[in-house]
Amino acid sequence: MTHEEIHKRIQQAATHAAPDQLDAILSACEEQKGTVISMKNNSNKRRWIAPLSAAAALAIVAGSIFGISRFQQASAADSVVTLDINPSIALSVNNKETVTTATPLNDDAKDIMGGMELEGTNLETAVNAIIGACLQKGYLDELENAILVSVENADADTATQLQNELTTTISGAFQSGAILTQTVTVDDDLAQLAQQYNISAGKASLIQEVIAQDSTLTFESLAPLSMSEISLIASSRNLTTTGVSQTGTTSDQAYIGQDAALQAACDHAGIATSDVQGLSTEFGWSKGVMVYELDFCSGGTEYEYDINATDGSVVKNEQEPCDHTWHTSSGNTGAQGNTTFIGESAATTAALSHAKVDQSAAQSLTVKLDEDDGVTYYEIEFCSAGVEYDYEINATTGDVVKFEQDTCDHYAHRSASNNSTNQNQNQGTSTGSYIGYDAALQAACKHAGVDASQVSRLENELDHDDGVARYEISFHVGNMEYEYEINATNGQVLKYESERDD
């Protein structure tokens, strides 16, 4: 056996390294020793030849094992880098950023890697080759442009460095790309999930984060999608992914656009787009295609549509009575027709005046805009001195449509001394000098970065906490729900929360 053949045998042994490979290495050494010449009556030489032969064999074995160790160190994976477009490819990389193995994770990846020999190339060369093949075969273009780069490495600094290097490499090869990068830690559960759906662990990790924030999405529906499709669905629903950095913008130019989708839905429903109220639009996946999911009301009916995002056809539609109401601030045109509403402050003043209650004495006050039998009114509730007041104030004229009084359960068990304490605490900051409900709503909307005219399902309550009077406001804009506490005296934001409304 030649030296080259021995080296190949040792390399093969190293590649399949296990404790029982020692016999194979020894066998290779025995073959290399050749024929042993027998010596007559030379017992003295025999005494030292045997130890010398053993020593030589051990030396060869030791040298072989040393060579194996060096080979293993050179080829051992230091990081695993995964590229997800729709082709998903995993690259094992040693500490010199040389690719040791390249594994296609789905059929599209096998198509891309056909004939490629990436093992032994540096990482930058391998990534450029993959991006070039994806561009050539149509998996990447200006319309389908999102790429997910996931790095698995125990050292956070090394992982971040690789992410930055790969972003630079991919940006150079594909300048129109939206590049998402993340560091992943793969446990048994994540590995099993990735294997079950024939995707990378990085893509599985990202999907887990997305569906955790939106219960209407499922792993089964997202797993087959391209990264561009997943990215558009997540961004349209304001879903966040911690630890994911993005360079560039995911393109939606392959689709007809929200305005065209709404027009298609209204044409199907037989209504005008100008009559639409409370519109919510999101990307989704239905019956094998990307869709615009639209939810809106018109004429007391709520419509839900799935519109094919590519050709505008109706994929799904449902109708039911609309139980939502929409608020418009004072001075703006109301949601119903061209009627101008008086505003919450004026309606509240009308109710308090009728009840002969000063605004500073009103507790747990809520204001809602509602409609009944074609009449829009403000529904106002508050407590004062142990009495609960319920009012319906005509939203156009300010007339008292209905009122009721009852014992206020919330304050029935408060002691007289407690009430006295609260009144004393409120002096100086709550003697009729509150900013009003409309101003409080405007302060909340300004902080949230939304237009007050787009607010729906508004609840506005005046309350006291730790001696401070505050407006507790909750409302919806699109598919987001906001909750605010606004200082009733100076309009300062005391507390706020926002979340997606499922």
Protein backbone atom coordinates (compact mmCIF):
# COMPACT_ATOMS: atom_id res chain seq x y z
CA MET A 1 0.00 0.00 0.00
CA THR A 2 1.45 3.40 -1.00
CA HIS A 3 1.75 6.38 1.34
CA GLU A 4 -1.10 8.08 -0.51
CA GLU A 5 -3.34 5.07 0.00
CA ILE A 6 -2.50 4.98 3.71
CA HIS A 7 -3.37 8.68 3.96
CA LYS A 8 -6.71 8.04 2.27
CA ARG A 9 -7.39 5.15 4.66
CA ILE A 10 -6.58 7.35 7.67
CA GLN A 11 -8.72 10.19 6.29
CA GLN A 12 -11.62 7.79 5.87
CA ALA A 13 -11.12 6.54 9.40
CA ALA A 14 -11.10 10.10 10.71
CA THR A 15 -14.28 10.98 8.86
CA HIS A 16 -16.06 8.08 10.57
CA ALA A 17 -14.08 8.45 13.80
CA ALA A 18 -15.24 6.10 16.57
CA PRO A 19 -13.41 3.95 19.20
CA ASP A 20 -13.51 0.80 17.04
CA GLN A 21 -11.50 2.48 14.20
CA LEU A 22 -8.19 1.59 15.91
CA ASP A 23 -8.23 -1.94 14.45
CA ALA A 24 -8.57 -0.55 10.94
CA ILE A 25 -5.59 1.75 11.47
CA LEU A 26 -3.47 -1.14 12.88
CA SER A 27 -4.46 -3.32 9.94
CA ALA A 28 -3.29 -0.62 7.54
CA CYS A 29 0.04 -0.48 9.39
CA GLU A 30 0.47 -4.31 9.22
CA GLU A 31 -0.08 -4.25 5.46
CA GLN A 32 2.56 -1.57 5.05
CA LYS A 33 5.19 -3.65 7.02
CA GLY A 34 5.51 -6.21 4.21
CA THR A 35 6.87 -9.78 4.49
CA VAL A 36 8.74 -10.85 7.63
CA ILE A 37 11.90 -12.86 6.98
CA SER A 38 12.33 -15.75 9.40
CA MET A 39 15.79 -15.96 11.15
CA LYS A 40 17.25 -19.39 12.26
CA ASN A 41 18.45 -19.89 15.86
CA ASN A 42 18.71 -16.15 16.51
CA SER A 43 16.97 -15.94 19.78
CA ASN A 44 18.97 -12.91 20.97
CA LYS A 45 17.96 -10.84 17.92
CA ARG A 46 14.44 -12.07 18.31
CA ARG A 47 14.36 -10.55 21.81
CA TRP A 48 14.96 -7.01 20.48
CA ILE A 49 13.27 -7.34 17.08
CA ALA A 50 9.86 -7.98 18.66
CA PRO A 51 9.98 -4.90 20.91
CA LEU A 52 11.31 -2.84 18.00
CA SER A 53 8.53 -4.01 15.72
CA ALA A 54 5.97 -3.17 18.41
CA ALA A 55 7.56 0.22 18.93
CA ALA A 56 7.49 0.91 15.21
CA ALA A 57 3.85 -0.10 15.02
CA LEU A 58 3.02 2.13 17.97
CA ALA A 59 4.93 4.99 16.36
CA ILE A 60 2.95 4.58 13.15
CA VAL A 61 -0.29 4.37 15.12
CA ALA A 62 0.66 7.43 17.16
CA GLY A 63 1.52 9.34 14.01
CA SER A 64 -1.72 8.25 12.40
CA ILE A 65 -3.77 9.30 15.44
CA PHE A 66 -1.95 12.67 15.50
CA GLY A 67 -2.81 13.11 11.82
CA ILE A 68 -6.44 12.21 12.50
CA SER A 69 -6.57 14.76 15.33
CA ARG A 70 -5.19 17.47 13.05
CA PHE A 71 -7.70 16.54 10.33
CA GLN A 72 -10.61 16.59 12.76
CA GLN A 73 -9.61 20.02 14.06
CA ALA A 74 -9.40 21.35 10.53
CA SER A 75 -12.80 19.97 9.49
CA ALA A 76 -14.76 20.33 12.75
CA ALA A 77 -17.82 22.62 12.44
CA ASP A 78 -17.41 25.84 14.40
CA SER A 79 -20.65 27.39 13.11
CA VAL A 80 -23.72 26.38 11.16
CA VAL A 81 -25.00 29.00 8.72
CA THR A 82 -28.42 28.59 7.14
CA LEU A 83 -29.75 30.49 4.14
CA ASP A 84 -33.54 30.52 3.67
CA ILE A 85 -35.17 32.00 0.59
CA ASN A 86 -37.44 29.21 -0.28
CA PRO A 87 -34.51 26.99 -0.99
CA SER A 88 -33.11 26.22 2.48
CA ILE A 89 -29.41 25.34 2.65
CA ALA A 90 -27.28 24.62 5.73
CA LEU A 91 -23.52 25.22 5.63
CA SER A 92 -21.26 23.82 8.35
CA VAL A 93 -18.20 26.05 8.70
CA ASN A 94 -14.95 25.57 10.60
CA ASN A 95 -13.14 28.27 12.57
CA LYS A 96 -11.34 29.39 9.40
CA GLU A 97 -14.71 29.98 7.69
CA THR A 98 -14.20 27.05 5.34
CA VAL A 99 -17.30 25.06 4.40
CA THR A 100 -17.02 21.48 5.67
CA THR A 101 -20.47 20.29 4.62
CA ALA A 102 -23.30 21.78 2.53
CA THR A 103 -26.74 20.27 3.06
CA PRO A 104 -29.89 20.97 1.00
CA LEU A 105 -32.92 20.96 3.32
CA ASN A 106 -35.73 20.87 0.74
CA ASP A 107 -36.36 20.05 -2.90
CA ASP A 108 -35.76 23.63 -4.05
CA ALA A 109 -32.35 23.52 -2.36
CA LYS A 110 -31.52 20.26 -4.16
CA ASP A 111 -32.38 21.98 -7.42
CA ILE A 112 -30.05 24.86 -6.55
CA MET A 113 -27.15 22.68 -5.42
CA GLY A 114 -27.23 20.21 -8.29
CA GLY A 115 -23.62 19.75 -9.39
CA MET A 116 -22.22 22.20 -6.82
CA GLU A 117 -19.17 21.13 -4.80
CA LEU A 118 -19.11 23.63 -1.94
CA GLU A 119 -17.10 21.57 0.57
CA GLY A 120 -13.63 22.99 1.00
CA THR A 121 -14.53 26.45 -0.34
CA ASN A 122 -14.53 29.53 1.88
CA LEU A 123 -17.89 30.73 3.19
CA GLU A 124 -18.00 33.91 1.10
CA THR A 125 -17.46 31.96 -2.13
CA ALA A 126 -20.11 29.39 -1.19
CA VAL A 127 -22.72 32.06 -0.36
CA ASN A 128 -22.01 33.95 -3.59
CA ALA A 129 -22.47 30.71 -5.53
CA ILE A 130 -25.80 29.98 -3.82
CA ILE A 131 -27.14 33.52 -4.36
CA GLY A 132 -26.04 33.41 -7.99
CA ALA A 133 -27.82 30.10 -8.57
CA CYS A 134 -31.01 31.42 -6.89
CA LEU A 135 -30.96 34.48 -9.14
CA GLN A 136 -30.33 32.37 -12.23
CA LYS A 137 -33.15 29.93 -11.47
CA GLY A 138 -35.69 32.56 -10.43
CA TYR A 139 -35.86 31.92 -6.69
CA LEU A 140 -34.61 35.49 -6.13
CA ASP A 141 -35.59 38.63 -8.04
CA GLU A 142 -36.87 42.16 -7.36
CA LEU A 143 -40.33 40.80 -6.50
CA GLU A 144 -39.20 37.84 -4.34
CA ASN A 145 -36.31 39.42 -2.49
CA ALA A 146 -36.22 38.34 1.20
CA ILE A 147 -33.37 36.20 2.54
CA LEU A 148 -33.09 34.85 6.10
CA VAL A 149 -29.58 34.24 7.41
CA SER A 150 -29.37 32.21 10.64
CA VAL A 151 -26.12 31.61 12.51
CA GLU A 152 -25.67 28.95 15.15
CA ASN A 153 -22.55 29.48 17.28
CA ALA A 154 -22.00 29.25 21.02
CA ASP A 155 -20.03 32.51 21.00
CA ALA A 156 -22.31 35.52 20.57
CA ASP A 157 -19.56 37.80 19.22
CA THR A 158 -18.56 35.26 16.58
CA ALA A 159 -22.20 34.82 15.55
CA THR A 160 -22.69 38.59 15.22
CA GLN A 161 -19.49 38.91 13.21
CA LEU A 162 -20.64 36.20 10.81
CA GLN A 163 -24.04 37.87 10.43
CA ASN A 164 -22.38 41.17 9.50
CA GLU A 165 -20.00 39.49 7.04
CA LEU A 166 -22.81 37.59 5.36
CA THR A 167 -24.99 40.70 5.10
CA THR A 168 -22.16 42.47 3.30
CA THR A 169 -21.54 39.48 1.02
CA ILE A 170 -25.21 39.06 0.06
CA SER A 171 -25.74 42.81 -0.41
CA GLY A 172 -22.86 42.82 -2.86
CA ALA A 173 -24.31 39.93 -4.83
CA PHE A 174 -27.97 41.04 -4.68
CA GLN A 175 -28.40 44.76 -4.05
CA SER A 176 -32.23 44.64 -4.06
CA GLY A 177 -32.41 42.10 -1.24
CA ALA A 178 -34.16 42.36 2.10
CA ILE A 179 -31.72 40.53 4.38
CA LEU A 180 -32.89 39.26 7.76
CA THR A 181 -30.22 37.94 10.13
CA GLN A 182 -30.50 36.17 13.47
CA THR A 183 -28.58 34.00 15.92
CA VAL A 184 -30.29 30.72 16.83
CA THR A 185 -29.82 28.17 19.57
CA VAL A 186 -31.04 24.78 18.41
CA ASP A 187 -32.48 22.44 21.02
CA ASP A 188 -34.06 19.01 20.49
CA ASP A 189 -37.59 20.41 20.13
CA LEU A 190 -36.59 22.98 17.52
CA ALA A 191 -34.52 20.42 15.60
CA GLN A 192 -37.44 17.98 15.57
CA LEU A 193 -39.83 20.70 14.38
CA ALA A 194 -37.47 21.68 11.58
CA GLN A 195 -37.07 18.07 10.52
CA GLN A 196 -40.83 17.48 10.58
CA TYR A 197 -41.46 20.32 8.09
CA ASN A 198 -38.24 19.93 6.06
CA ILE A 199 -37.08 23.46 6.85
CA SER A 200 -34.08 24.92 8.64
CA ALA A 201 -33.95 25.43 12.39
CA GLY A 202 -33.56 29.16 11.73
CA LYS A 203 -36.79 29.34 9.73
CA ALA A 204 -38.56 27.22 12.36
CA SER A 205 -37.40 29.60 15.10
CA LEU A 206 -38.68 32.63 13.19
CA ILE A 207 -42.07 31.02 12.52
CA GLN A 208 -42.42 30.14 16.21
CA GLU A 209 -42.02 33.80 17.16
CA VAL A 210 -44.54 34.93 14.56
CA ILE A 211 -47.33 32.49 15.46
CA ALA A 212 -46.81 33.16 19.19
CA GLN A 213 -48.05 36.72 18.53
CA ASP A 214 -50.95 35.84 16.25
CA SER A 215 -53.10 32.83 17.05
CA THR A 216 -54.77 32.96 13.63
CA LEU A 217 -51.51 31.85 12.00
CA THR A 218 -50.29 28.26 12.12
CA PHE A 219 -46.92 26.59 11.67
CA GLU A 220 -48.37 24.34 8.98
CA SER A 221 -49.50 27.32 6.89
CA LEU A 222 -46.24 29.31 7.16
CA ALA A 223 -43.64 26.53 6.84
CA PRO A 224 -43.99 26.06 3.03
CA LEU A 225 -43.91 29.82 2.31
CA SER A 226 -40.96 31.77 1.02
CA MET A 227 -39.24 34.26 3.30
CA SER A 228 -40.76 37.14 1.31
CA GLU A 229 -44.27 35.83 1.97
CA ILE A 230 -43.63 35.26 5.68
CA SER A 231 -42.03 38.69 6.03
CA LEU A 232 -44.98 40.46 4.38
CA ILE A 233 -47.53 38.62 6.53
CA ALA A 234 -45.65 39.46 9.74
CA SER A 235 -45.08 43.13 8.91
CA SER A 236 -48.70 43.72 7.82
CA ARG A 237 -49.83 42.49 11.25
CA ASN A 238 -47.23 44.54 13.15
CA LEU A 239 -45.63 41.37 14.50
CA THR A 240 -42.13 41.72 15.91
CA THR A 241 -39.29 39.21 15.97
CA THR A 242 -36.76 39.73 18.74
CA GLY A 243 -33.13 39.33 17.79
CA VAL A 244 -33.79 39.66 14.05
CA SER A 245 -32.03 42.47 12.19
CA GLN A 246 -33.18 43.53 8.74
CA THR A 247 -31.43 45.38 5.93
CA GLY A 248 -33.59 46.47 2.99
CA THR A 249 -37.36 46.23 2.50
CA THR A 250 -39.39 43.20 1.51
CA SER A 251 -41.05 43.88 -1.84
CA ASP A 252 -44.84 43.72 -2.25
CA GLN A 253 -44.76 44.75 -5.92
CA ALA A 254 -45.87 41.29 -7.01
CA TYR A 255 -49.34 42.00 -5.56
CA ILE A 256 -52.25 44.24 -6.57
CA GLY A 257 -52.19 46.51 -3.50
CA GLN A 258 -54.64 47.21 -0.66
CA ASP A 259 -56.73 49.77 -2.58
CA ALA A 260 -57.32 47.37 -5.46
CA ALA A 261 -58.16 44.57 -2.99
CA LEU A 262 -60.73 46.79 -1.22
CA GLN A 263 -62.25 47.76 -4.55
CA ALA A 264 -62.58 44.08 -5.49
CA ALA A 265 -64.29 43.29 -2.18
CA CYS A 266 -66.68 46.25 -2.46
CA ASP A 267 -67.55 45.36 -6.05
CA HIS A 268 -68.41 41.86 -4.91
CA ALA A 269 -70.46 43.17 -1.95
CA GLY A 270 -72.23 45.79 -4.09
CA ILE A 271 -71.19 48.77 -1.96
CA ALA A 272 -69.11 51.91 -2.51
CA THR A 273 -65.63 52.19 -1.00
CA SER A 274 -66.65 55.58 0.41
CA ASP A 275 -69.22 53.81 2.63
CA VAL A 276 -66.58 51.56 4.25
CA GLN A 277 -65.99 51.98 7.99
CA GLY A 278 -63.40 50.46 10.32
CA LEU A 279 -61.26 48.96 7.55
CA SER A 280 -58.56 46.50 8.59
CA THR A 281 -56.24 44.98 5.95
CA GLU A 282 -53.56 42.30 6.42
CA PHE A 283 -51.63 39.86 4.30
CA GLY A 284 -52.51 36.20 4.84
CA TRP A 285 -52.38 32.77 3.24
CA SER A 286 -55.56 30.99 2.18
CA LYS A 287 -56.23 28.03 -0.10
CA GLY A 288 -52.68 27.98 -1.40
CA VAL A 289 -52.35 31.66 -2.35
CA MET A 290 -51.31 34.95 -0.77
CA VAL A 291 -54.41 37.01 0.08
CA TYR A 292 -55.42 40.38 1.45
CA GLU A 293 -57.58 39.76 4.53
CA LEU A 294 -60.08 42.64 4.72
CA ASP A 295 -62.51 43.36 7.57
CA PHE A 296 -64.88 46.34 7.40
CA CYS A 297 -68.43 47.51 8.04
CA SER A 298 -70.97 49.24 5.85
CA GLY A 299 -74.64 49.92 6.45
CA GLY A 300 -74.75 47.87 9.64
CA THR A 301 -73.14 44.81 8.05
CA GLU A 302 -69.66 43.54 8.78
CA TYR A 303 -67.78 42.08 5.80
CA GLU A 304 -64.80 39.75 5.90
CA TYR A 305 -63.00 39.08 2.62
CA ASP A 306 -59.96 37.14 1.47
CA ILE A 307 -58.89 38.66 -1.86
CA ASN A 308 -56.28 36.89 -4.00
CA ALA A 309 -53.28 39.20 -3.73
CA THR A 310 -52.14 38.43 -7.28
CA ASP A 311 -55.26 38.60 -9.44
CA GLY A 312 -57.92 40.22 -7.19
CA SER A 313 -60.33 37.29 -7.22
CA VAL A 314 -62.51 36.57 -4.18
CA VAL A 315 -61.11 33.59 -2.30
CA LYS A 316 -63.47 33.77 0.69
CA ASN A 317 -66.16 36.09 2.06
CA GLU A 318 -68.45 36.25 5.09
CA GLN A 319 -71.08 38.70 6.37
CA GLU A 320 -72.68 39.30 9.76
CA PRO A 321 -74.33 42.16 11.66
CA CYS A 322 -71.77 44.81 12.56
CA ASP A 323 -71.51 45.44 16.30
CA HIS A 324 -68.64 47.96 16.07
CA THR A 325 -69.01 51.73 16.48
CA TRP A 326 -66.71 54.50 15.33
CA HIS A 327 -65.77 57.69 17.14
CA THR A 328 -64.94 61.00 15.58
CA SER A 329 -63.66 63.91 17.65
CA SER A 330 -65.67 67.13 18.06
CA GLY A 331 -65.82 69.23 14.92
CA ASN A 332 -65.12 66.33 12.57
CA THR A 333 -67.62 64.59 10.33
CA GLY A 334 -69.19 61.55 11.94
CA ALA A 335 -68.74 58.02 10.63
CA GLN A 336 -72.44 57.78 9.76
CA GLY A 337 -73.30 59.95 6.76
CA ASN A 338 -72.32 63.66 6.86
CA THR A 339 -73.66 64.35 10.38
CA THR A 340 -71.42 66.39 12.70
CA PHE A 341 -71.44 65.11 16.28
CA ILE A 342 -71.22 67.37 19.29
CA GLY A 343 -68.17 65.59 20.74
CA GLU A 344 -67.60 63.74 24.00
CA SER A 345 -66.92 66.81 26.13
CA ALA A 346 -70.21 68.48 25.17
CA ALA A 347 -72.13 65.22 25.69
CA THR A 348 -70.51 64.70 29.10
CA THR A 349 -71.29 68.29 30.11
CA ALA A 350 -74.94 67.74 29.10
CA ALA A 351 -75.19 64.59 31.25
CA LEU A 352 -73.43 66.13 34.28
CA SER A 353 -75.56 69.26 34.01
CA HIS A 354 -78.75 67.20 33.93
CA ALA A 355 -77.56 65.14 36.92
CA LYS A 356 -76.42 68.33 38.75
CA VAL A 357 -73.00 66.73 39.36
CA ASP A 358 -69.73 68.65 39.10
CA GLN A 359 -67.18 67.03 36.80
CA SER A 360 -64.60 66.91 39.61
CA ALA A 361 -66.99 64.76 41.65
CA ALA A 362 -67.70 62.28 38.83
CA GLN A 363 -65.90 58.98 39.29
CA SER A 364 -65.47 55.94 36.99
CA LEU A 365 -66.81 57.95 34.07
CA THR A 366 -67.03 56.18 30.70
CA VAL A 367 -68.13 57.54 27.32
CA LYS A 368 -69.03 55.40 24.30
CA LEU A 369 -70.43 56.34 20.92
CA ASP A 370 -73.22 53.96 19.97
CA GLU A 371 -76.17 53.65 17.61
CA ASP A 372 -79.69 52.31 18.05
CA ASP A 373 -82.54 52.33 15.49
CA GLY A 374 -80.62 54.74 13.26
CA VAL A 375 -79.95 57.24 16.06
CA THR A 376 -76.37 57.86 17.17
CA TYR A 377 -75.84 58.75 20.81
CA TYR A 378 -73.22 58.96 23.51
CA GLU A 379 -73.64 56.39 26.26
CA ILE A 380 -72.27 57.95 29.45
CA GLU A 381 -71.88 56.29 32.86
CA PHE A 382 -70.43 57.70 36.06
CA CYS A 383 -70.72 57.54 39.85
CA SER A 384 -71.00 60.34 42.40
CA ALA A 385 -71.75 60.22 46.12
CA GLY A 386 -72.73 56.55 45.94
CA VAL A 387 -75.11 57.03 43.01
CA GLU A 388 -74.53 55.52 39.57
CA TYR A 389 -75.79 57.52 36.58
CA ASP A 390 -76.48 56.10 33.10
CA TYR A 391 -77.14 58.57 30.26
CA GLU A 392 -77.82 58.44 26.56
CA ILE A 393 -77.10 61.79 24.92
CA ASN A 394 -78.10 62.44 21.30
CA ALA A 395 -74.80 62.71 19.42
CA THR A 396 -76.13 65.39 17.07
CA THR A 397 -78.34 67.62 19.24
CA GLY A 398 -77.02 67.01 22.76
CA ASP A 399 -80.50 66.19 24.06
CA VAL A 400 -80.92 63.69 26.90
CA VAL A 401 -82.45 60.63 25.24
CA LYS A 402 -82.51 58.42 28.33
CA PHE A 403 -81.17 58.43 31.89
CA GLU A 404 -81.21 56.09 34.90
CA GLN A 405 -79.93 56.20 38.47
CA ASP A 406 -78.93 53.33 40.75
CA THR A 407 -76.72 52.54 43.72
CA CYS A 408 -73.10 52.61 42.68
CA ASP A 409 -71.71 49.20 43.66
CA HIS A 410 -68.11 50.24 43.12
CA TYR A 411 -68.31 52.87 45.86
CA ALA A 412 -71.04 51.46 48.07
CA HIS A 413 -68.59 49.92 50.53
CA ARG A 414 -66.24 52.86 50.87
CA SER A 415 -66.29 54.45 54.29
CA ALA A 416 -67.18 58.08 54.74
CA SER A 417 -63.67 58.82 55.96
CA ASN A 418 -62.21 57.24 52.84
CA ASN A 419 -64.37 59.42 50.64
CA SER A 420 -63.34 62.42 52.64
CA THR A 421 -59.69 61.54 52.19
CA ASN A 422 -60.09 61.23 48.44
CA GLN A 423 -61.82 64.61 48.26
CA ASN A 424 -59.04 66.24 50.21
CA GLN A 425 -56.38 64.66 47.99
CA ASN A 426 -58.10 65.92 44.89
CA GLN A 427 -58.24 69.54 46.04
CA GLY A 428 -56.00 71.86 44.10
CA THR A 429 -55.69 69.50 41.14
CA SER A 430 -59.24 68.49 40.32
CA THR A 431 -61.57 71.41 41.06
CA GLY A 432 -63.17 71.56 37.66
CA SER A 433 -59.85 72.23 35.90
CA TYR A 434 -59.66 68.97 33.93
CA ILE A 435 -58.61 69.05 30.31
CA GLY A 436 -61.70 67.13 29.12
CA TYR A 437 -62.21 63.84 27.35
CA ASP A 438 -61.48 65.06 23.84
CA ALA A 439 -58.20 66.62 24.89
CA ALA A 440 -57.23 63.44 26.73
CA LEU A 441 -57.99 61.37 23.64
CA GLN A 442 -55.97 63.76 21.46
CA ALA A 443 -53.02 63.43 23.86
CA ALA A 444 -53.20 59.63 23.69
CA CYS A 445 -53.50 59.59 19.89
CA LYS A 446 -50.59 62.00 19.51
CA HIS A 447 -48.43 59.75 21.69
CA ALA A 448 -49.53 56.63 19.75
CA GLY A 449 -48.90 58.33 16.40
CA VAL A 450 -52.47 57.76 15.13
CA ASP A 451 -55.28 59.99 13.88
CA ALA A 452 -58.19 60.47 16.30
CA SER A 453 -60.62 60.28 13.37
CA GLN A 454 -59.60 56.64 12.83
CA VAL A 455 -60.39 55.59 16.40
CA SER A 456 -63.03 52.90 17.01
CA ARG A 457 -64.45 51.19 20.10
CA LEU A 458 -63.46 54.07 22.36
CA GLU A 459 -63.84 53.86 26.14
CA ASN A 460 -62.94 56.93 28.20
CA GLU A 461 -63.17 56.90 31.98
CA LEU A 462 -62.26 59.53 34.57
CA ASP A 463 -60.82 57.97 37.72
CA HIS A 464 -58.53 58.72 40.64
CA ASP A 465 -55.46 56.80 41.76
CA ASP A 466 -53.02 57.81 44.53
CA GLY A 467 -54.65 61.22 44.65
CA VAL A 468 -54.17 61.90 40.94
CA ALA A 469 -57.16 62.32 38.62
CA ARG A 470 -56.64 60.55 35.31
CA TYR A 471 -58.48 59.61 32.17
CA GLU A 472 -58.33 55.86 31.50
CA ILE A 473 -58.73 55.53 27.74
CA SER A 474 -58.90 52.44 25.55
CA PHE A 475 -59.48 52.44 21.79
CA HIS A 476 -58.71 50.62 18.55
CA VAL A 477 -57.08 51.81 15.33
CA GLY A 478 -56.95 49.20 12.60
CA ASN A 479 -55.95 45.93 14.22
CA MET A 480 -54.18 47.54 17.20
CA GLU A 481 -55.64 48.12 20.66
CA TYR A 482 -54.33 50.99 22.82
CA GLU A 483 -54.76 51.65 26.54
CA TYR A 484 -53.73 54.97 28.08
CA GLU A 485 -53.81 56.75 31.42
CA ILE A 486 -53.71 60.53 30.88
CA ASN A 487 -53.26 63.04 33.70
CA ALA A 488 -56.63 64.80 33.88
CA THR A 489 -55.06 68.14 34.77
CA ASN A 490 -52.10 68.58 32.45
CA GLY A 491 -52.58 65.90 29.75
CA GLN A 492 -49.36 64.04 30.59
CA VAL A 493 -49.18 60.37 29.57
CA LEU A 494 -48.92 58.42 32.84
CA LYS A 495 -49.10 54.89 31.45
CA TYR A 496 -49.72 53.23 28.11
CA GLU A 497 -49.93 49.80 26.48
CA SER A 498 -50.61 48.59 22.96
CA GLU A 499 -51.17 45.17 21.46
CA ARG A 500 -52.62 43.52 18.41
CA ASP A 501 -56.35 42.87 18.70
CA ASP A 502 -57.16 39.29 17.66
